[in-house]
Amino acid sequence: MENPEVISWFDPDTFTGTHLAICPQTGRCAIFDSVLDFDPASGRTSRKSADRLIEYIRNRNLSVQWIIETHAHADHLSAAPYLKQELGGGIGIGQAITQVQETFGKVFNTGHEFKTDGRQFDHLFEDGEKYRVGELEARCFHTPGHTPACMTHVIGDAAFVGDTLFMPDYGTARCDFPGGDAATLYDSVQKIFQLPDETRVFLCHDYLPEGREEYVLETTVGKQKRENIHLQQGISRDEFVQMRTERDAGLDMPRLILPSVQVNMRAGQMPPADDNGVSYLKLPLDQL
């Protein structure tokens, strides 16, 4: 089985990893978890991170087939619509995004303008679905727990796990967002652990724990099973749930959760503009 070439970029402002999976035979590729730069103080957006990705793809004459979100991110805005405009490709996310849309549509009181059937995306991936990136066979499976819509995508020997796992010295994703569940996350990680130990695991974030000097976005299934501080082999489901619940209770909400979710649940599109032509993001009080 042929494996993809994977190129990764790290955004230090949101600690986010964006990955490009390339079919060596055809030059067709899939983008995972892109970033639209956003300054919450001024409300200004920037395409600097996305333009860097676009430049790389064009310089290599690659063809974008997919623009994939592993889940509806709560810590950065997606650049998917801009990338689609400039490069083509279909925007995809897990089918359970509809649950996220239902929940946060109420939080943001979006009314009838916002449809909660996932129609904002070009494709909703089903659990166990197979697809292709060029000549490479890809598959995805549902790995909820952090959010209801989290999916893991496997292309050859590469797995793109979103926030489900971090580097082994940092552990696992939080589970206290609406629709999150620690026991569910434990079960989801066991699915990932069924992959071959040599499977490359590409992460959506790294937060540089004390004792490490460099950000890292790639590890392996075997290393996660042996060394993940939250979920290495031998840690029971009950032990994990207790640890994760206690840890989450002391965490602040992500800095960009309110702007991020209301944009990302729309596949990266801003809310409809008001009659003055300006799009506004809501700040619901005392909801999270």
C-alpha atoms as a PDB file:
ATOM      1  CA  MET A   1       0.000   0.000   0.000  1.00  0.00           C
ATOM      2  CA  GLU A   2       1.373   3.384  -0.966  1.00  0.00           C
ATOM      3  CA  ASN A   3       1.518   6.059   1.709  1.00  0.00           C
ATOM      4  CA  PRO A   4       0.950   9.801   1.482  1.00  0.00           C
ATOM      5  CA  GLU A   5       3.559  12.472   1.722  1.00  0.00           C
ATOM      6  CA  VAL A   6       2.492  14.684   4.630  1.00  0.00           C
ATOM      7  CA  ILE A   7       3.549  18.316   5.012  1.00  0.00           C
ATOM      8  CA  SER A   8       2.597  20.156   8.219  1.00  0.00           C
ATOM      9  CA  TRP A   9       2.394  23.774   9.333  1.00  0.00           C
ATOM     10  CA  PHE A  10       2.120  25.085  12.895  1.00  0.00           C
ATOM     11  CA  ASP A  11       0.244  28.244  13.851  1.00  0.00           C
ATOM     12  CA  PRO A  12       1.791  29.551  17.105  1.00  0.00           C
ATOM     13  CA  ASP A  13      -1.092  31.912  17.850  1.00  0.00           C
ATOM     14  CA  THR A  14      -3.619  29.078  18.207  1.00  0.00           C
ATOM     15  CA  PHE A  15      -1.160  26.168  18.641  1.00  0.00           C
ATOM     16  CA  THR A  16      -2.806  24.527  15.623  1.00  0.00           C
ATOM     17  CA  GLY A  17      -1.359  22.032  13.174  1.00  0.00           C
ATOM     18  CA  THR A  18      -2.534  22.067   9.558  1.00  0.00           C
ATOM     19  CA  HIS A  19      -1.625  19.042   7.458  1.00  0.00           C
ATOM     20  CA  LEU A  20      -1.430  18.411   3.730  1.00  0.00           C
ATOM     21  CA  ALA A  21      -1.678  14.757   2.632  1.00  0.00           C
ATOM     22  CA  ILE A  22      -0.358  14.261  -0.912  1.00  0.00           C
ATOM     23  CA  CYS A  23      -0.747  11.328  -3.266  1.00  0.00           C
ATOM     24  CA  PRO A  24       2.780  10.793  -4.689  1.00  0.00           C
ATOM     25  CA  GLN A  25       1.463   9.336  -7.964  1.00  0.00           C
ATOM     26  CA  THR A  26      -1.074  12.010  -8.909  1.00  0.00           C
ATOM     27  CA  GLY A  27      -0.265  15.146  -6.900  1.00  0.00           C
ATOM     28  CA  ARG A  28      -3.830  15.227  -5.633  1.00  0.00           C
ATOM     29  CA  CYS A  29      -4.085  16.166  -1.981  1.00  0.00           C
ATOM     30  CA  ALA A  30      -6.244  16.721   1.085  1.00  0.00           C
ATOM     31  CA  ILE A  31      -5.942  19.631   3.522  1.00  0.00           C
ATOM     32  CA  PHE A  32      -6.702  18.923   7.166  1.00  0.00           C
ATOM     33  CA  ASP A  33      -7.686  21.646   9.684  1.00  0.00           C
ATOM     34  CA  SER A  34      -6.790  24.946   8.058  1.00  0.00           C
ATOM     35  CA  VAL A  35      -6.490  28.241   9.937  1.00  0.00           C
ATOM     36  CA  LEU A  36      -7.977  31.688   9.253  1.00  0.00           C
ATOM     37  CA  ASP A  37      -6.039  34.228  11.311  1.00  0.00           C
ATOM     38  CA  PHE A  38      -8.268  36.237  13.648  1.00  0.00           C
ATOM     39  CA  ASP A  39      -7.600  39.067  16.092  1.00  0.00           C
ATOM     40  CA  PRO A  40     -10.379  39.078  18.729  1.00  0.00           C
ATOM     41  CA  ALA A  41      -9.422  42.537  19.968  1.00  0.00           C
ATOM     42  CA  SER A  42     -10.043  44.233  16.615  1.00  0.00           C
ATOM     43  CA  GLY A  43     -12.341  41.681  14.987  1.00  0.00           C
ATOM     44  CA  ARG A  44     -10.051  41.591  11.962  1.00  0.00           C
ATOM     45  CA  THR A  45      -9.313  38.476   9.951  1.00  0.00           C
ATOM     46  CA  SER A  46      -6.199  37.715   7.933  1.00  0.00           C
ATOM     47  CA  ARG A  47      -5.376  35.077   5.325  1.00  0.00           C
ATOM     48  CA  LYS A  48      -1.653  34.951   6.002  1.00  0.00           C
ATOM     49  CA  SER A  49      -1.642  31.326   7.183  1.00  0.00           C
ATOM     50  CA  ALA A  50      -3.915  30.198   4.371  1.00  0.00           C
ATOM     51  CA  ASP A  51      -1.876  32.087   1.750  1.00  0.00           C
ATOM     52  CA  ARG A  52       1.278  30.293   2.904  1.00  0.00           C
ATOM     53  CA  LEU A  53      -0.488  26.979   2.295  1.00  0.00           C
ATOM     54  CA  ILE A  54      -1.813  28.137  -1.081  1.00  0.00           C
ATOM     55  CA  GLU A  55       1.640  29.243  -2.194  1.00  0.00           C
ATOM     56  CA  TYR A  56       3.117  25.847  -1.342  1.00  0.00           C
ATOM     57  CA  ILE A  57       0.385  23.963  -3.190  1.00  0.00           C
ATOM     58  CA  ARG A  58       0.676  26.127  -6.291  1.00  0.00           C
ATOM     59  CA  ASN A  59       4.462  25.990  -6.348  1.00  0.00           C
ATOM     60  CA  ARG A  60       4.283  22.199  -6.449  1.00  0.00           C
ATOM     61  CA  ASN A  61       1.393  22.124  -8.937  1.00  0.00           C
ATOM     62  CA  LEU A  62      -0.713  20.037  -6.572  1.00  0.00           C
ATOM     63  CA  SER A  63      -4.449  19.566  -7.003  1.00  0.00           C
ATOM     64  CA  VAL A  64      -6.691  19.897  -3.951  1.00  0.00           C
ATOM     65  CA  GLN A  65      -9.351  17.203  -3.761  1.00  0.00           C
ATOM     66  CA  TRP A  66     -10.509  17.615  -0.144  1.00  0.00           C
ATOM     67  CA  ILE A  67     -10.539  20.327   2.513  1.00  0.00           C
ATOM     68  CA  ILE A  68     -11.311  18.365   5.664  1.00  0.00           C
ATOM     69  CA  GLU A  69     -12.208  19.450   9.179  1.00  0.00           C
ATOM     70  CA  THR A  70     -11.590  16.725  11.751  1.00  0.00           C
ATOM     71  CA  HIS A  71     -14.262  18.438  13.888  1.00  0.00           C
ATOM     72  CA  ALA A  72     -15.818  21.860  14.526  1.00  0.00           C
ATOM     73  CA  HIS A  73     -12.874  23.601  16.155  1.00  0.00           C
ATOM     74  CA  ALA A  74     -13.278  25.719  19.283  1.00  0.00           C
ATOM     75  CA  ASP A  75      -9.840  27.360  19.215  1.00  0.00           C
ATOM     76  CA  HIS A  76      -9.368  28.715  15.698  1.00  0.00           C
ATOM     77  CA  LEU A  77     -11.405  29.794  12.698  1.00  0.00           C
ATOM     78  CA  SER A  78     -11.313  27.640   9.570  1.00  0.00           C
ATOM     79  CA  ALA A  79     -10.033  29.005   6.264  1.00  0.00           C
ATOM     80  CA  ALA A  80     -11.892  26.321   4.283  1.00  0.00           C
ATOM     81  CA  PRO A  81     -14.113  28.632   2.156  1.00  0.00           C
ATOM     82  CA  TYR A  82     -11.144  30.763   1.107  1.00  0.00           C
ATOM     83  CA  LEU A  83      -9.074  27.699   0.261  1.00  0.00           C
ATOM     84  CA  LYS A  84     -11.930  26.263  -1.785  1.00  0.00           C
ATOM     85  CA  GLN A  85     -12.296  29.555  -3.642  1.00  0.00           C
ATOM     86  CA  GLU A  86      -8.573  29.652  -4.478  1.00  0.00           C
ATOM     87  CA  LEU A  87      -7.789  25.956  -4.951  1.00  0.00           C
ATOM     88  CA  GLY A  88     -11.017  24.021  -5.419  1.00  0.00           C
ATOM     89  CA  GLY A  89     -11.833  20.826  -3.547  1.00  0.00           C
ATOM     90  CA  GLY A  90     -14.771  19.812  -1.408  1.00  0.00           C
ATOM     91  CA  ILE A  91     -15.202  20.820   2.238  1.00  0.00           C
ATOM     92  CA  GLY A  92     -15.919  17.784   4.417  1.00  0.00           C
ATOM     93  CA  ILE A  93     -16.662  17.045   8.068  1.00  0.00           C
ATOM     94  CA  GLY A  94     -18.187  14.212  10.082  1.00  0.00           C
ATOM     95  CA  GLN A  95     -21.911  13.559   9.794  1.00  0.00           C
ATOM     96  CA  ALA A  96     -22.479  14.319  13.477  1.00  0.00           C
ATOM     97  CA  ILE A  97     -21.791  18.011  12.814  1.00  0.00           C
ATOM     98  CA  THR A  98     -25.580  18.270  12.815  1.00  0.00           C
ATOM     99  CA  GLN A  99     -25.535  17.647  16.582  1.00  0.00           C
ATOM    100  CA  VAL A 100     -23.045  20.478  17.046  1.00  0.00           C
ATOM    101  CA  GLN A 101     -25.180  22.739  14.863  1.00  0.00           C
ATOM    102  CA  GLU A 102     -28.306  21.922  16.869  1.00  0.00           C
ATOM    103  CA  THR A 103     -26.569  22.661  20.175  1.00  0.00           C
ATOM    104  CA  PHE A 104     -24.758  25.832  19.218  1.00  0.00           C
ATOM    105  CA  GLY A 105     -27.525  27.117  16.993  1.00  0.00           C
ATOM    106  CA  LYS A 106     -29.456  27.503  20.251  1.00  0.00           C
ATOM    107  CA  VAL A 107     -26.480  28.997  22.113  1.00  0.00           C
ATOM    108  CA  PHE A 108     -26.118  31.685  19.436  1.00  0.00           C
ATOM    109  CA  ASN A 109     -29.881  31.987  18.813  1.00  0.00           C
ATOM    110  CA  THR A 110     -29.308  31.772  15.071  1.00  0.00           C
ATOM    111  CA  GLY A 111     -32.990  31.534  14.196  1.00  0.00           C
ATOM    112  CA  HIS A 112     -34.305  30.229  10.891  1.00  0.00           C
ATOM    113  CA  GLU A 113     -31.396  31.507   8.771  1.00  0.00           C
ATOM    114  CA  PHE A 114     -29.114  28.774  10.070  1.00  0.00           C
ATOM    115  CA  LYS A 115     -29.938  25.242   8.947  1.00  0.00           C
ATOM    116  CA  THR A 116     -28.783  22.403  11.191  1.00  0.00           C
ATOM    117  CA  ASP A 117     -28.651  19.630   8.587  1.00  0.00           C
ATOM    118  CA  GLY A 118     -25.007  20.101   7.593  1.00  0.00           C
ATOM    119  CA  ARG A 119     -25.821  21.597   4.185  1.00  0.00           C
ATOM    120  CA  GLN A 120     -23.070  24.227   4.628  1.00  0.00           C
ATOM    121  CA  PHE A 121     -20.504  21.501   3.927  1.00  0.00           C
ATOM    122  CA  ASP A 122     -19.934  19.778   0.594  1.00  0.00           C
ATOM    123  CA  HIS A 123     -19.718  16.343   2.165  1.00  0.00           C
ATOM    124  CA  LEU A 124     -20.612  14.748   5.495  1.00  0.00           C
ATOM    125  CA  PHE A 125     -18.418  11.725   6.200  1.00  0.00           C
ATOM    126  CA  GLU A 126     -20.097   8.656   7.658  1.00  0.00           C
ATOM    127  CA  ASP A 127     -18.528   6.326  10.207  1.00  0.00           C
ATOM    128  CA  GLY A 128     -16.471   3.745   8.318  1.00  0.00           C
ATOM    129  CA  GLU A 129     -16.706   5.566   4.982  1.00  0.00           C
ATOM    130  CA  LYS A 130     -14.016   4.957   2.374  1.00  0.00           C
ATOM    131  CA  TYR A 131     -12.881   7.602  -0.112  1.00  0.00           C
ATOM    132  CA  ARG A 132      -9.800   8.415  -2.175  1.00  0.00           C
ATOM    133  CA  VAL A 133      -7.089  11.030  -2.322  1.00  0.00           C
ATOM    134  CA  GLY A 134      -5.708  10.565  -5.810  1.00  0.00           C
ATOM    135  CA  GLU A 135      -4.741   6.883  -6.021  1.00  0.00           C
ATOM    136  CA  LEU A 136      -4.580   6.524  -2.237  1.00  0.00           C
ATOM    137  CA  GLU A 137      -7.377   4.773  -0.387  1.00  0.00           C
ATOM    138  CA  ALA A 138      -8.638   6.685   2.633  1.00  0.00           C
ATOM    139  CA  ARG A 139     -11.135   5.818   5.328  1.00  0.00           C
ATOM    140  CA  CYS A 140     -12.563   7.563   8.331  1.00  0.00           C
ATOM    141  CA  PHE A 141     -14.196   6.520  11.561  1.00  0.00           C
ATOM    142  CA  HIS A 142     -16.163   8.322  14.235  1.00  0.00           C
ATOM    143  CA  THR A 143     -14.094   9.193  17.329  1.00  0.00           C
ATOM    144  CA  PRO A 144     -16.337  11.425  19.480  1.00  0.00           C
ATOM    145  CA  GLY A 145     -15.780  12.459  23.077  1.00  0.00           C
ATOM    146  CA  HIS A 146     -14.077  15.821  22.628  1.00  0.00           C
ATOM    147  CA  THR A 147     -17.009  16.856  20.420  1.00  0.00           C
ATOM    148  CA  PRO A 148     -19.829  14.762  18.920  1.00  0.00           C
ATOM    149  CA  ALA A 149     -18.523  15.271  15.361  1.00  0.00           C
ATOM    150  CA  CYS A 150     -14.873  14.248  15.767  1.00  0.00           C
ATOM    151  CA  MET A 151     -13.560  11.922  13.055  1.00  0.00           C
ATOM    152  CA  THR A 152     -10.225  10.198  12.519  1.00  0.00           C
ATOM    153  CA  HIS A 153      -9.078   9.962   8.895  1.00  0.00           C
ATOM    154  CA  VAL A 154      -6.611   7.275   7.810  1.00  0.00           C
ATOM    155  CA  ILE A 155      -4.739   7.535   4.510  1.00  0.00           C
ATOM    156  CA  GLY A 156      -2.209   4.753   4.033  1.00  0.00           C
ATOM    157  CA  ASP A 157      -0.002   4.760   7.132  1.00  0.00           C
ATOM    158  CA  ALA A 158      -1.111   8.245   8.228  1.00  0.00           C
ATOM    159  CA  ALA A 159      -3.902   8.977  10.726  1.00  0.00           C
ATOM    160  CA  PHE A 160      -5.270  12.494  11.229  1.00  0.00           C
ATOM    161  CA  VAL A 161      -6.870  12.472  14.681  1.00  0.00           C
ATOM    162  CA  GLY A 162      -7.846  16.105  15.276  1.00  0.00           C
ATOM    163  CA  ASP A 163      -7.968  16.932  18.982  1.00  0.00           C
ATOM    164  CA  THR A 164      -8.711  13.400  20.191  1.00  0.00           C
ATOM    165  CA  LEU A 165      -5.056  12.844  21.090  1.00  0.00           C
ATOM    166  CA  PHE A 166      -2.195  15.224  21.779  1.00  0.00           C
ATOM    167  CA  MET A 167       1.491  14.350  22.026  1.00  0.00           C
ATOM    168  CA  PRO A 168       2.016  11.550  24.580  1.00  0.00           C
ATOM    169  CA  ASP A 169       3.559  13.962  27.093  1.00  0.00           C
ATOM    170  CA  TYR A 170       0.423  16.159  26.977  1.00  0.00           C
ATOM    171  CA  GLY A 171      -2.305  13.538  26.890  1.00  0.00           C
ATOM    172  CA  THR A 172      -5.816  13.880  25.513  1.00  0.00           C
ATOM    173  CA  ALA A 173      -8.447  16.446  24.590  1.00  0.00           C
ATOM    174  CA  ARG A 174     -10.834  17.978  27.071  1.00  0.00           C
ATOM    175  CA  CYS A 175     -14.374  16.596  27.196  1.00  0.00           C
ATOM    176  CA  ASP A 176     -16.383  19.349  28.879  1.00  0.00           C
ATOM    177  CA  PHE A 177     -17.722  21.160  25.804  1.00  0.00           C
ATOM    178  CA  PRO A 178     -21.448  20.678  25.066  1.00  0.00           C
ATOM    179  CA  GLY A 179     -21.821  17.142  23.722  1.00  0.00           C
ATOM    180  CA  GLY A 180     -18.417  16.014  25.020  1.00  0.00           C
ATOM    181  CA  ASP A 181     -17.997  12.941  27.200  1.00  0.00           C
ATOM    182  CA  ALA A 182     -14.889  11.445  28.806  1.00  0.00           C
ATOM    183  CA  ALA A 183     -16.055   7.824  28.673  1.00  0.00           C
ATOM    184  CA  THR A 184     -16.847   8.227  24.992  1.00  0.00           C
ATOM    185  CA  LEU A 185     -13.396   9.678  24.352  1.00  0.00           C
ATOM    186  CA  TYR A 186     -11.784   6.691  26.070  1.00  0.00           C
ATOM    187  CA  ASP A 187     -13.661   4.332  23.773  1.00  0.00           C
ATOM    188  CA  SER A 188     -12.735   6.414  20.726  1.00  0.00           C
ATOM    189  CA  VAL A 189      -9.039   6.277  21.529  1.00  0.00           C
ATOM    190  CA  GLN A 190      -9.259   2.486  21.783  1.00  0.00           C
ATOM    191  CA  LYS A 191     -10.378   2.514  18.123  1.00  0.00           C
ATOM    192  CA  ILE A 192      -7.258   4.481  17.187  1.00  0.00           C
ATOM    193  CA  PHE A 193      -5.127   2.067  19.211  1.00  0.00           C
ATOM    194  CA  GLN A 194      -6.350  -0.756  16.954  1.00  0.00           C
ATOM    195  CA  LEU A 195      -4.329   0.734  14.097  1.00  0.00           C
ATOM    196  CA  PRO A 196      -0.846  -0.715  13.494  1.00  0.00           C
ATOM    197  CA  ASP A 197       1.758   0.567  15.956  1.00  0.00           C
ATOM    198  CA  GLU A 198       3.805   2.105  13.128  1.00  0.00           C
ATOM    199  CA  THR A 199       0.882   4.260  11.953  1.00  0.00           C
ATOM    200  CA  ARG A 200       1.909   7.905  11.826  1.00  0.00           C
ATOM    201  CA  VAL A 201      -0.410  10.065  13.962  1.00  0.00           C
ATOM    202  CA  PHE A 202      -0.826  13.705  12.949  1.00  0.00           C
ATOM    203  CA  LEU A 203      -2.164  16.039  15.627  1.00  0.00           C
ATOM    204  CA  CYS A 204      -4.232  19.201  15.397  1.00  0.00           C
ATOM    205  CA  HIS A 205      -2.495  20.869  18.368  1.00  0.00           C
ATOM    206  CA  ASP A 206       0.603  20.907  20.493  1.00  0.00           C
ATOM    207  CA  TYR A 207       0.909  22.962  23.677  1.00  0.00           C
ATOM    208  CA  LEU A 208       4.569  22.381  24.551  1.00  0.00           C
ATOM    209  CA  PRO A 209       4.470  20.921  28.074  1.00  0.00           C
ATOM    210  CA  GLU A 210       7.218  21.739  30.536  1.00  0.00           C
ATOM    211  CA  GLY A 211      10.411  19.865  29.772  1.00  0.00           C
ATOM    212  CA  ARG A 212      10.070  19.946  25.967  1.00  0.00           C
ATOM    213  CA  GLU A 213      11.569  22.734  23.859  1.00  0.00           C
ATOM    214  CA  GLU A 214      10.043  22.202  20.415  1.00  0.00           C
ATOM    215  CA  TYR A 215       6.482  21.939  19.111  1.00  0.00           C
ATOM    216  CA  VAL A 216       5.712  18.547  17.568  1.00  0.00           C
ATOM    217  CA  LEU A 217       2.734  17.507  15.427  1.00  0.00           C
ATOM    218  CA  GLU A 218       3.559  13.891  14.591  1.00  0.00           C
ATOM    219  CA  THR A 219       3.849  10.742  16.677  1.00  0.00           C
ATOM    220  CA  THR A 220       2.849   7.074  16.232  1.00  0.00           C
ATOM    221  CA  VAL A 221       0.127   4.783  17.506  1.00  0.00           C
ATOM    222  CA  GLY A 222       2.720   2.629  19.251  1.00  0.00           C
ATOM    223  CA  LYS A 223       4.209   5.596  21.077  1.00  0.00           C
ATOM    224  CA  GLN A 224       0.751   6.751  22.156  1.00  0.00           C
ATOM    225  CA  LYS A 225      -0.095   3.302  23.522  1.00  0.00           C
ATOM    226  CA  ARG A 226       3.150   3.087  25.460  1.00  0.00           C
ATOM    227  CA  GLU A 227       3.591   6.658  26.673  1.00  0.00           C
ATOM    228  CA  ASN A 228       0.410   8.756  26.598  1.00  0.00           C
ATOM    229  CA  ILE A 229       0.204  10.172  30.122  1.00  0.00           C
ATOM    230  CA  HIS A 230      -3.604   9.940  30.165  1.00  0.00           C
ATOM    231  CA  LEU A 231      -4.291   6.783  28.196  1.00  0.00           C
ATOM    232  CA  GLN A 232      -1.285   4.497  27.982  1.00  0.00           C
ATOM    233  CA  GLN A 233      -2.087   0.806  28.122  1.00  0.00           C
ATOM    234  CA  GLY A 234      -3.140  -0.295  31.599  1.00  0.00           C
ATOM    235  CA  ILE A 235      -5.191   2.813  32.449  1.00  0.00           C
ATOM    236  CA  SER A 236      -8.809   1.769  32.932  1.00  0.00           C
ATOM    237  CA  ARG A 237     -11.865   3.524  31.568  1.00  0.00           C
ATOM    238  CA  ASP A 238     -12.977   4.537  35.078  1.00  0.00           C
ATOM    239  CA  GLU A 239      -9.525   5.893  35.936  1.00  0.00           C
ATOM    240  CA  PHE A 240      -9.468   7.952  32.772  1.00  0.00           C
ATOM    241  CA  VAL A 241     -12.979   9.338  33.276  1.00  0.00           C
ATOM    242  CA  GLN A 242     -12.152  10.415  36.832  1.00  0.00           C
ATOM    243  CA  MET A 243      -8.892  12.080  35.766  1.00  0.00           C
ATOM    244  CA  ARG A 244     -10.396  13.787  32.720  1.00  0.00           C
ATOM    245  CA  THR A 245     -13.447  15.066  34.619  1.00  0.00           C
ATOM    246  CA  GLU A 246     -11.356  16.501  37.444  1.00  0.00           C
ATOM    247  CA  ARG A 247      -8.871  18.071  35.026  1.00  0.00           C
ATOM    248  CA  ASP A 248     -11.558  19.624  32.831  1.00  0.00           C
ATOM    249  CA  ALA A 249     -13.246  21.224  35.839  1.00  0.00           C
ATOM    250  CA  GLY A 250     -10.209  23.474  36.298  1.00  0.00           C
ATOM    251  CA  LEU A 251      -9.789  24.552  32.666  1.00  0.00           C
ATOM    252  CA  ASP A 252     -10.798  27.927  31.252  1.00  0.00           C
ATOM    253  CA  MET A 253     -12.762  28.099  28.029  1.00  0.00           C
ATOM    254  CA  PRO A 254     -10.535  28.468  24.928  1.00  0.00           C
ATOM    255  CA  ARG A 255      -9.755  32.091  24.047  1.00  0.00           C
ATOM    256  CA  LEU A 256     -11.516  31.900  20.668  1.00  0.00           C
ATOM    257  CA  ILE A 257     -14.331  29.435  21.363  1.00  0.00           C
ATOM    258  CA  LEU A 258     -17.188  31.891  20.780  1.00  0.00           C
ATOM    259  CA  PRO A 259     -16.001  33.283  17.438  1.00  0.00           C
ATOM    260  CA  SER A 260     -14.629  29.914  16.324  1.00  0.00           C
ATOM    261  CA  VAL A 261     -17.673  27.736  16.833  1.00  0.00           C
ATOM    262  CA  GLN A 262     -20.196  30.086  15.265  1.00  0.00           C
ATOM    263  CA  VAL A 263     -18.005  30.339  12.157  1.00  0.00           C
ATOM    264  CA  ASN A 264     -16.864  26.710  11.986  1.00  0.00           C
ATOM    265  CA  MET A 265     -20.351  25.265  12.380  1.00  0.00           C
ATOM    266  CA  ARG A 266     -21.057  27.181   9.133  1.00  0.00           C
ATOM    267  CA  ALA A 267     -18.141  25.433   7.346  1.00  0.00           C
ATOM    268  CA  GLY A 268     -15.966  28.506   7.859  1.00  0.00           C
ATOM    269  CA  GLN A 269     -18.458  31.044   6.534  1.00  0.00           C
ATOM    270  CA  MET A 270     -19.178  34.193   8.537  1.00  0.00           C
ATOM    271  CA  PRO A 271     -22.735  34.787   9.777  1.00  0.00           C
ATOM    272  CA  PRO A 272     -24.960  36.595   7.247  1.00  0.00           C
ATOM    273  CA  ALA A 273     -24.284  40.321   7.059  1.00  0.00           C
ATOM    274  CA  ASP A 274     -26.702  42.808   8.608  1.00  0.00           C
ATOM    275  CA  ASP A 275     -28.473  45.400   6.459  1.00  0.00           C
ATOM    276  CA  ASN A 276     -25.366  47.594   6.662  1.00  0.00           C
ATOM    277  CA  GLY A 277     -23.295  44.942   4.895  1.00  0.00           C
ATOM    278  CA  VAL A 278     -21.266  44.040   7.989  1.00  0.00           C
ATOM    279  CA  SER A 279     -21.104  40.530   9.443  1.00  0.00           C
ATOM    280  CA  TYR A 280     -21.248  40.320  13.245  1.00  0.00           C
ATOM    281  CA  LEU A 281     -20.218  37.614  15.703  1.00  0.00           C
ATOM    282  CA  LYS A 282     -22.355  37.161  18.806  1.00  0.00           C
ATOM    283  CA  LEU A 283     -21.063  37.033  22.359  1.00  0.00           C
ATOM    284  CA  PRO A 284     -23.672  35.105  24.377  1.00  0.00           C
ATOM    285  CA  LEU A 285     -23.368  35.891  28.067  1.00  0.00           C
ATOM    286  CA  ASP A 286     -23.263  33.233  30.799  1.00  0.00           C
ATOM    287  CA  GLN A 287     -23.832  30.334  28.413  1.00  0.00           C
ATOM    288  CA  LEU A 288     -20.574  28.377  28.565  1.00  0.00           C
END
